[in-house]
Amino acid sequence: MSLLEVRNLHAGIDGKEILKGIDLTVEPGTVHAIMGPNGSGKSTLSGVLAGDPRFNVTAGTATLDGKDLLALSPEDRSHEGLFLSFQYPVEIPGVSMTNFMRAAVNAKREYLGEKPMPAAEFLKLMRQKRAIVELDSKLASRSVNEGFSGGEKKRNEIFQMAVLEPKLSILDETDSGLDIDALRIVANGVNALRTPQNATIVITHYQRLLDYIKPDVVHILYNGRIVYTGGPELALELEEKGYDWIKQQADAAQK
């Protein structure tokens, strides 16, 4: 069974259609990259899958591990194993990272009918996962993202992903604003968390992230539709020819 199945997905905001029939299949153990110019629908797709209430789904289906994703609340989608790394992570003053993550872990365990994780076991888990993304222990004791640099916020997102161990992770322009060192650390964390049972969707404008996180499949999203699907070489071709090439090809196909 595929981990994610999206069929003929249409969605928009304030009466404007943005996704115009998305078909996407993601198998366990794979990394998919979704590329496309601004306004093509990349972040809308991630928001719709995560349950962002701003978007209205008008047609189509989406299932995660066989369950109707669109019928679930955002929190239940998370408990079922969907994780979204935000392009612009928010700050939550007054809530420590430790308390935030313990609440998230135990909420998921309660949903799955499991007992809360003992404090000692949870702190051990935090230490193990911090090491994966080279997250300073001082950051983990501070309020969520408060006073963090852009790179620290993105690293913190991957740390949260490591702790929650999702089935499907969607990284929405995680490379935005990162220098090379931060990009390497974030990518190494993503790669270290890859297993035959989970999958990752990487949403990005640029090839440079894909030099670190190697995709199995690359999709080009343009004007609300996936217009090309191929292997890693497709991202290299796009880097060489630019998004004007996609526009020309897509416009020619519609004539």
Protein backbone atom coordinates (compact mmCIF):
# COMPACT_ATOMS: atom_id res chain seq x y z
CA MET A 1 0.00 0.00 0.00
CA SER A 2 1.22 3.51 -0.84
CA LEU A 3 1.87 5.78 2.13
CA LEU A 4 0.26 8.84 0.51
CA GLU A 5 -2.29 8.78 -2.30
CA VAL A 6 -3.59 12.07 -3.70
CA ARG A 7 -6.09 11.94 -6.54
CA ASN A 8 -7.55 14.83 -8.57
CA LEU A 9 -7.11 17.25 -5.66
CA HIS A 10 -8.64 20.68 -6.20
CA ALA A 11 -8.37 23.39 -3.56
CA GLY A 12 -8.29 27.14 -3.18
CA ILE A 13 -8.68 30.11 -0.90
CA ASP A 14 -11.29 32.88 -0.86
CA GLY A 15 -12.95 31.47 -3.97
CA LYS A 16 -9.72 31.35 -6.00
CA GLU A 17 -8.71 27.91 -7.23
CA ILE A 18 -5.01 27.19 -6.67
CA LEU A 19 -4.70 23.38 -6.94
CA LYS A 20 -6.28 22.23 -10.18
CA GLY A 21 -6.13 18.46 -10.06
CA ILE A 22 -3.09 17.11 -8.18
CA ASP A 23 -2.23 13.42 -8.52
CA LEU A 24 0.59 12.21 -6.29
CA THR A 25 1.67 8.81 -4.97
CA VAL A 26 4.36 8.48 -2.30
CA GLU A 27 5.69 5.06 -1.36
CA PRO A 28 7.30 4.19 2.00
CA GLY A 29 11.07 4.61 2.06
CA THR A 30 11.15 7.33 -0.60
CA VAL A 31 12.00 11.02 -0.83
CA HIS A 32 10.00 13.17 -3.24
CA ALA A 33 10.96 16.71 -4.23
CA ILE A 34 8.31 19.16 -5.41
CA MET A 35 9.68 22.16 -7.28
CA GLY A 36 8.01 25.06 -9.02
CA PRO A 37 7.91 28.85 -9.34
CA ASN A 38 6.22 31.16 -6.85
CA GLY A 39 2.45 30.91 -7.01
CA SER A 40 2.43 27.42 -8.50
CA GLY A 41 0.69 25.88 -5.46
CA LYS A 42 3.53 24.22 -3.55
CA SER A 43 2.77 25.69 -0.13
CA THR A 44 -0.98 25.36 -0.77
CA LEU A 45 -0.50 21.63 -1.30
CA SER A 46 1.41 21.25 1.96
CA GLY A 47 -1.20 23.32 3.80
CA VAL A 48 -4.11 21.32 2.40
CA LEU A 49 -2.48 18.02 3.37
CA ALA A 50 -1.75 19.31 6.89
CA GLY A 51 -5.30 20.63 7.33
CA ASP A 52 -4.77 24.40 7.20
CA PRO A 53 -8.33 25.75 7.60
CA ARG A 54 -7.66 28.68 5.26
CA PHE A 55 -7.84 26.36 2.27
CA ASN A 56 -11.03 24.89 0.90
CA VAL A 57 -10.91 21.49 -0.83
CA THR A 58 -13.45 21.41 -3.66
CA ALA A 59 -12.70 17.99 -5.20
CA GLY A 60 -10.45 14.98 -4.95
CA THR A 61 -9.11 12.65 -2.28
CA ALA A 62 -6.03 12.22 -0.11
CA THR A 63 -5.23 9.18 2.01
CA LEU A 64 -2.38 8.57 4.45
CA ASP A 65 -1.60 4.92 5.07
CA GLY A 66 -5.11 4.08 3.83
CA LYS A 67 -6.93 6.61 6.03
CA ASP A 68 -8.97 9.50 4.64
CA LEU A 69 -6.68 12.41 5.41
CA LEU A 70 -9.19 15.11 4.47
CA ALA A 71 -11.73 13.81 7.01
CA LEU A 72 -9.30 14.25 9.92
CA SER A 73 -8.65 17.35 12.04
CA PRO A 74 -5.14 18.86 11.78
CA GLU A 75 -4.15 17.40 15.16
CA ASP A 76 -5.40 13.93 14.22
CA ARG A 77 -3.46 14.10 10.94
CA SER A 78 -0.38 14.74 13.07
CA HIS A 79 -1.21 11.85 15.40
CA GLU A 80 -1.65 9.59 12.35
CA GLY A 81 1.89 10.41 11.30
CA LEU A 82 1.88 13.57 9.17
CA PHE A 83 4.49 16.23 9.97
CA LEU A 84 4.82 19.66 8.35
CA SER A 85 8.00 21.71 8.74
CA PHE A 86 7.01 25.34 8.28
CA GLN A 87 8.69 27.77 5.92
CA TYR A 88 8.48 30.41 8.66
CA PRO A 89 8.42 28.67 12.09
CA VAL A 90 6.51 30.64 14.71
CA GLU A 91 7.73 31.66 18.15
CA ILE A 92 5.77 30.54 21.23
CA PRO A 93 6.89 32.71 24.16
CA GLY A 94 6.53 31.21 27.63
CA VAL A 95 6.42 27.58 26.46
CA SER A 96 9.69 25.69 26.83
CA MET A 97 10.77 23.31 24.10
CA THR A 98 10.87 20.47 26.63
CA ASN A 99 7.29 21.00 27.78
CA PHE A 100 6.10 21.60 24.22
CA MET A 101 7.59 18.37 22.92
CA ARG A 102 6.51 16.31 25.93
CA ALA A 103 2.92 17.52 25.42
CA ALA A 104 3.11 16.64 21.71
CA VAL A 105 4.55 13.17 22.34
CA ASN A 106 2.01 12.30 25.03
CA ALA A 107 -0.92 13.65 23.00
CA LYS A 108 0.08 11.29 20.19
CA ARG A 109 0.47 8.39 22.62
CA GLU A 110 -2.98 9.08 24.08
CA TYR A 111 -4.48 9.10 20.57
CA LEU A 112 -2.87 5.71 19.92
CA GLY A 113 -4.13 4.32 23.23
CA GLU A 114 -0.71 4.32 24.89
CA LYS A 115 0.31 5.53 28.35
CA PRO A 116 2.27 8.80 28.78
CA MET A 117 6.01 8.46 28.34
CA PRO A 118 7.86 8.42 31.70
CA ALA A 119 9.89 11.57 32.34
CA ALA A 120 13.27 9.82 32.39
CA GLU A 121 12.54 8.04 29.12
CA PHE A 122 11.39 11.27 27.51
CA LEU A 123 14.54 13.17 28.54
CA LYS A 124 16.68 10.35 27.13
CA LEU A 125 14.71 10.60 23.86
CA MET A 126 15.31 14.36 23.76
CA ARG A 127 19.07 13.88 24.19
CA GLN A 128 19.23 11.27 21.44
CA LYS A 129 17.27 13.35 18.94
CA ARG A 130 19.13 16.59 19.74
CA ALA A 131 22.36 14.88 18.76
CA ILE A 132 20.97 14.01 15.32
CA VAL A 133 20.44 17.65 14.38
CA GLU A 134 23.30 19.09 16.48
CA LEU A 135 20.84 21.15 18.54
CA ASP A 136 22.40 22.92 21.51
CA SER A 137 20.90 21.75 24.81
CA LYS A 138 20.46 25.40 25.83
CA LEU A 139 18.07 25.95 22.92
CA ALA A 140 15.95 22.98 24.00
CA SER A 141 15.41 24.58 27.42
CA ARG A 142 14.29 27.93 26.00
CA SER A 143 10.84 28.96 24.79
CA VAL A 144 9.86 27.53 21.41
CA ASN A 145 11.86 29.39 18.71
CA GLU A 146 12.02 32.56 20.83
CA GLY A 147 15.18 34.46 19.95
CA PHE A 148 16.34 31.67 17.63
CA SER A 149 18.16 32.53 14.40
CA GLY A 150 16.63 31.41 11.11
CA GLY A 151 18.94 28.41 10.97
CA GLU A 152 18.21 27.46 14.57
CA LYS A 153 14.47 27.58 13.91
CA LYS A 154 14.82 25.26 10.92
CA ARG A 155 17.08 22.92 12.89
CA ASN A 156 14.49 22.94 15.67
CA GLU A 157 11.82 21.88 13.17
CA ILE A 158 13.87 18.82 12.20
CA PHE A 159 14.45 18.10 15.89
CA GLN A 160 10.67 18.07 16.41
CA MET A 161 10.34 15.75 13.43
CA ALA A 162 12.95 13.43 14.97
CA VAL A 163 11.11 13.27 18.29
CA LEU A 164 7.65 12.67 16.77
CA GLU A 165 8.88 10.03 14.27
CA PRO A 166 6.20 10.72 11.61
CA LYS A 167 5.28 8.42 8.75
CA LEU A 168 5.27 11.30 6.25
CA SER A 169 7.26 14.52 6.65
CA ILE A 170 6.58 17.54 4.45
CA LEU A 171 9.42 20.07 4.46
CA ASP A 172 8.08 23.35 3.07
CA GLU A 173 11.08 25.33 1.78
CA THR A 174 13.22 24.28 4.74
CA ASP A 175 16.25 25.65 2.85
CA SER A 176 14.83 29.20 2.81
CA GLY A 177 17.28 31.59 4.43
CA LEU A 178 19.83 28.95 5.44
CA ASP A 179 23.57 29.32 5.00
CA ILE A 180 25.57 26.33 3.79
CA ASP A 181 26.49 25.07 7.28
CA ALA A 182 22.90 25.21 8.55
CA LEU A 183 21.67 23.61 5.34
CA ARG A 184 24.12 20.73 5.76
CA ILE A 185 23.09 20.14 9.39
CA VAL A 186 19.37 20.20 8.57
CA ALA A 187 19.84 17.90 5.57
CA ASN A 188 21.99 15.47 7.57
CA GLY A 189 19.21 15.29 10.16
CA VAL A 190 16.60 14.54 7.51
CA ASN A 191 18.81 11.85 5.96
CA ALA A 192 19.52 10.26 9.34
CA LEU A 193 15.79 9.94 10.04
CA ARG A 194 15.02 8.16 6.77
CA THR A 195 13.77 4.57 7.16
CA PRO A 196 12.10 1.99 4.87
CA GLN A 197 8.81 2.75 6.65
CA ASN A 198 8.63 6.54 6.37
CA ALA A 199 8.74 9.04 3.52
CA THR A 200 9.59 12.69 2.97
CA ILE A 201 8.28 15.36 0.61
CA VAL A 202 10.76 18.20 0.11
CA ILE A 203 9.28 21.41 -1.29
CA THR A 204 11.94 23.73 -2.68
CA HIS A 205 12.76 26.29 -5.36
CA TYR A 206 16.36 25.30 -5.77
CA GLN A 207 18.60 22.39 -6.62
CA ARG A 208 21.07 23.14 -3.82
CA LEU A 209 18.98 21.43 -1.11
CA LEU A 210 18.74 18.35 -3.33
CA ASP A 211 22.52 18.12 -3.36
CA TYR A 212 22.19 17.18 0.32
CA ILE A 213 18.80 15.44 0.47
CA LYS A 214 18.81 13.07 -2.50
CA PRO A 215 15.30 12.65 -3.95
CA ASP A 216 14.06 9.45 -5.56
CA VAL A 217 11.37 11.32 -7.49
CA VAL A 218 11.13 14.96 -8.61
CA HIS A 219 7.83 16.65 -9.49
CA ILE A 220 7.45 20.02 -11.19
CA LEU A 221 4.36 21.91 -10.06
CA TYR A 222 3.13 24.69 -12.32
CA ASN A 223 -0.14 26.60 -12.26
CA GLY A 224 -1.77 24.20 -9.81
CA ARG A 225 -0.83 20.98 -11.60
CA ILE A 226 2.09 18.55 -11.59
CA VAL A 227 3.31 18.95 -15.16
CA TYR A 228 6.48 16.82 -15.00
CA THR A 229 7.62 13.85 -12.92
CA GLY A 230 11.03 12.25 -13.19
CA GLY A 231 14.19 11.26 -11.38
CA PRO A 232 16.86 13.49 -9.78
CA GLU A 233 18.04 14.52 -13.23
CA LEU A 234 14.83 16.53 -13.68
CA ALA A 235 15.91 18.93 -10.92
CA LEU A 236 19.27 19.40 -12.63
CA GLU A 237 17.54 20.10 -15.95
CA LEU A 238 15.31 22.64 -14.26
CA GLU A 239 18.32 24.30 -12.63
CA GLU A 240 19.96 24.58 -16.05
CA LYS A 241 16.96 25.79 -18.06
CA GLY A 242 15.04 27.76 -15.41
CA TYR A 243 11.32 28.07 -14.74
CA ASP A 244 10.69 29.91 -18.00
CA TRP A 245 11.33 26.57 -19.69
CA ILE A 246 8.52 24.97 -17.67
CA LYS A 247 6.16 27.81 -18.55
CA GLN A 248 6.96 27.51 -22.26
CA GLN A 249 6.48 23.74 -22.22
CA ALA A 250 3.24 23.92 -20.26
CA ASP A 251 1.81 26.72 -22.41
CA ALA A 252 2.71 24.82 -25.58
CA ALA A 253 1.00 21.66 -24.28
CA GLN A 254 -2.23 23.58 -23.66
CA LYS A 255 -2.41 24.92 -27.24
